[in-house]
N, C-alpha and C. Protein backbone atom coordinates (compact mmCIF):
# COMPACT_ATOMS: atom_id res chain seq x y z
N MET A 1 -38.07 -4.00 14.92
CA MET A 1 -37.24 -4.22 13.79
C MET A 1 -37.06 -5.70 13.64
N ASP A 2 -37.07 -6.26 12.69
CA ASP A 2 -37.19 -8.13 12.48
C ASP A 2 -35.95 -8.75 12.29
N GLN A 3 -35.76 -9.85 12.56
CA GLN A 3 -34.49 -10.56 12.22
C GLN A 3 -33.72 -10.71 11.04
N ALA A 4 -34.66 -10.85 10.16
CA ALA A 4 -34.21 -10.76 8.53
C ALA A 4 -33.37 -9.25 8.71
N THR A 5 -34.05 -8.16 8.97
CA THR A 5 -33.31 -6.91 8.60
C THR A 5 -32.47 -6.66 9.62
N LEU A 6 -31.94 -7.39 10.46
CA LEU A 6 -30.92 -7.14 11.63
C LEU A 6 -29.64 -7.96 11.09
N GLU A 7 -29.87 -9.10 10.26
CA GLU A 7 -28.96 -9.79 9.56
C GLU A 7 -28.80 -9.12 8.63
N ALA A 8 -29.56 -8.56 7.79
CA ALA A 8 -28.46 -7.79 6.88
C ALA A 8 -28.04 -6.52 7.17
N ARG A 9 -28.77 -6.12 7.55
CA ARG A 9 -27.66 -5.15 8.73
C ARG A 9 -26.24 -5.09 9.04
N TYR A 10 -26.18 -6.49 9.69
CA TYR A 10 -25.19 -7.17 9.98
C TYR A 10 -24.26 -7.69 9.16
N ARG A 11 -24.59 -7.90 8.20
CA ARG A 11 -23.75 -8.72 7.21
C ARG A 11 -23.33 -7.30 6.63
N SER A 12 -23.72 -6.30 5.65
CA SER A 12 -23.55 -5.12 5.68
C SER A 12 -22.51 -4.39 6.18
N LEU A 13 -22.80 -4.50 7.64
CA LEU A 13 -21.39 -3.59 8.45
C LEU A 13 -19.99 -4.73 8.23
N VAL A 14 -20.53 -6.23 8.60
CA VAL A 14 -18.87 -7.03 8.17
C VAL A 14 -18.76 -6.39 6.97
N HIS A 15 -19.25 -7.10 5.98
CA HIS A 15 -18.97 -6.76 4.36
C HIS A 15 -17.96 -5.37 4.46
N GLN A 16 -18.05 -4.17 4.91
CA GLN A 16 -17.97 -2.74 4.76
C GLN A 16 -16.33 -3.02 5.35
N ALA A 17 -16.22 -3.44 7.11
CA ALA A 17 -15.39 -3.51 7.89
C ALA A 17 -14.55 -4.77 6.96
N THR A 18 -14.65 -5.56 6.46
CA THR A 18 -13.64 -6.28 5.70
C THR A 18 -13.40 -5.51 4.35
N GLU A 19 -14.21 -5.07 3.78
CA GLU A 19 -13.32 -4.43 2.72
C GLU A 19 -12.34 -3.35 3.26
N VAL A 20 -12.50 -2.70 4.36
CA VAL A 20 -11.73 -1.24 4.74
C VAL A 20 -11.00 -2.03 5.02
N ARG A 21 -10.51 -3.21 5.66
CA ARG A 21 -9.37 -4.10 6.01
C ARG A 21 -8.22 -4.74 4.93
N LYS A 22 -9.31 -5.01 4.31
CA LYS A 22 -8.35 -5.51 2.95
C LYS A 22 -8.14 -4.46 1.75
N TYR A 23 -8.56 -3.33 1.80
CA TYR A 23 -8.08 -2.44 0.94
C TYR A 23 -6.85 -1.57 1.64
N GLN A 24 -7.32 -1.31 3.11
CA GLN A 24 -5.65 -1.10 4.05
C GLN A 24 -4.54 -1.63 3.79
N LYS A 25 -4.79 -2.80 4.17
CA LYS A 25 -3.41 -3.59 3.96
C LYS A 25 -3.07 -4.14 2.77
N ARG A 26 -3.75 -3.84 1.60
CA ARG A 26 -2.98 -4.01 0.44
C ARG A 26 -2.57 -2.63 0.25
N TYR A 27 -3.52 -1.46 0.62
CA TYR A 27 -2.64 0.11 0.56
C TYR A 27 -0.89 0.11 1.47
N PHE A 28 -0.65 -0.73 2.34
CA PHE A 28 0.55 -0.89 2.90
C PHE A 28 1.21 -1.44 1.96
N GLN A 29 0.89 -2.48 1.61
CA GLN A 29 1.79 -3.32 1.03
C GLN A 29 2.62 -2.60 -0.57
N HIS A 30 1.48 -2.17 -1.02
CA HIS A 30 1.72 -1.84 -2.56
C HIS A 30 2.06 -0.14 -2.34
N ARG A 31 1.31 0.34 -1.88
CA ARG A 31 1.70 1.84 -1.73
C ARG A 31 0.82 2.20 -3.00
N ALA A 32 -0.77 1.55 -3.47
CA ALA A 32 -1.31 1.81 -4.99
C ALA A 32 -2.39 3.13 -3.97
N SER A 33 -2.52 3.96 -4.98
CA SER A 33 -3.42 4.85 -4.54
C SER A 33 -4.57 4.66 -4.56
N SER A 34 -4.96 3.77 -5.74
CA SER A 34 -6.09 3.58 -6.25
C SER A 34 -6.64 2.32 -4.73
N ASP A 35 -5.73 1.53 -4.31
CA ASP A 35 -6.18 1.16 -3.11
C ASP A 35 -6.35 2.12 -1.61
N LEU A 36 -5.82 2.94 -1.95
CA LEU A 36 -6.07 4.00 -0.46
C LEU A 36 -7.51 4.63 -0.76
N GLU A 37 -8.02 4.52 -1.75
CA GLU A 37 -9.59 5.31 -2.50
C GLU A 37 -10.46 4.11 -2.22
N LYS A 38 -9.77 3.25 -2.49
CA LYS A 38 -11.00 1.87 -2.35
C LYS A 38 -10.98 1.85 -0.87
N ALA A 39 -9.96 1.93 0.04
CA ALA A 39 -10.57 1.55 1.71
C ALA A 39 -11.03 3.05 2.04
N ARG A 40 -10.91 4.07 1.35
CA ARG A 40 -11.33 5.30 2.13
C ARG A 40 -12.88 5.29 2.02
N TYR A 41 -13.21 4.72 0.38
CA TYR A 41 -14.85 4.62 -0.31
C TYR A 41 -15.74 3.54 1.06
N HIS A 42 -15.16 2.48 1.03
CA HIS A 42 -15.40 1.71 2.09
C HIS A 42 -15.62 2.20 3.35
N GLU A 43 -14.46 2.75 4.09
CA GLU A 43 -14.68 3.72 5.27
C GLU A 43 -16.15 5.02 5.38
N ARG A 44 -15.92 5.40 4.55
CA ARG A 44 -17.12 6.26 3.91
C ARG A 44 -18.74 5.69 4.15
N GLN A 45 -18.70 4.29 3.62
CA GLN A 45 -19.74 3.73 3.51
C GLN A 45 -20.18 3.21 4.51
N LEU A 46 -18.93 2.44 5.31
CA LEU A 46 -19.44 2.05 7.08
C LEU A 46 -19.71 3.05 8.08
N ASP A 47 -19.08 4.01 7.55
CA ASP A 47 -19.47 5.44 8.80
C ASP A 47 -21.24 6.01 8.28
N LYS A 48 -21.90 5.55 6.97
CA LYS A 48 -22.96 6.00 6.76
C LYS A 48 -24.02 5.08 7.60
N LEU A 49 -23.77 3.41 7.34
CA LEU A 49 -23.82 2.35 7.96
C LEU A 49 -24.56 2.98 9.72
N LEU A 50 -23.20 3.01 9.98
CA LEU A 50 -23.21 3.41 11.29
C LEU A 50 -24.02 4.75 12.06
N ALA A 51 -24.05 5.71 11.05
CA ALA A 51 -25.17 6.82 11.31
C ALA A 51 -26.05 6.71 10.86
N LYS A 52 -26.75 6.02 10.11
CA LYS A 52 -28.07 5.29 9.79
C LYS A 52 -28.55 4.60 11.02
N GLN A 53 -27.45 3.89 11.47
CA GLN A 53 -28.25 3.19 12.89
C GLN A 53 -28.05 3.78 14.04
N ASN A 54 -27.48 4.74 14.31
CA ASN A 54 -27.31 5.76 15.35
C ASN A 54 -28.79 6.54 15.20
N GLU A 55 -29.04 7.23 13.67
CA GLU A 55 -29.76 7.97 13.92
C GLU A 55 -31.34 7.01 14.35
N GLU A 56 -31.73 5.87 13.71
CA GLU A 56 -32.52 5.22 14.16
C GLU A 56 -32.93 4.64 15.41
N GLN A 57 -31.51 4.75 16.45
CA GLN A 57 -32.03 4.19 17.88
C GLN A 57 -32.64 5.81 18.68
N ILE A 58 -31.64 6.88 17.68
CA ILE A 58 -31.99 8.34 18.53
C ILE A 58 -33.78 8.82 18.09
N SER A 59 -34.07 8.42 17.36
CA SER A 59 -35.57 9.11 16.29
C SER A 59 -36.71 8.31 17.46
N PRO A 60 -36.63 7.28 17.72
CA PRO A 60 -37.91 7.01 18.44
C PRO A 60 -38.38 7.76 19.90
N GLN A 61 -36.40 7.86 20.51
CA GLN A 61 -36.83 8.40 21.96
C GLN A 61 -36.99 10.15 21.74
N GLN A 62 -37.10 10.46 20.35
CA GLN A 62 -37.28 11.70 20.18
C GLN A 62 -38.24 12.10 20.39
N GLN A 63 -39.67 10.66 19.87
CA GLN A 63 -40.74 11.30 19.25
C GLN A 63 -41.30 11.29 20.64
N LEU A 64 -40.94 11.06 21.68
CA LEU A 64 -41.45 10.53 22.85
C LEU A 64 -42.28 11.53 23.81
N PHE A 65 -41.61 12.56 23.69
CA PHE A 65 -41.70 14.15 23.54
C PHE A 65 -42.14 15.12 23.31
């Protein structure tokens, strides 16, 4: 994996985590269901990014056998 790809993934990860926290904080301040839904959406996106990363780390090891 090249440096540009790693940087792009890192930026995506930071962006999603930042968005999750932003909407969580807004939800707890205002109790707006729209903020809760946005926080959940960004949590799912963050989970997808992490799952993709974990899958890519496991795949090369499985190809050895």
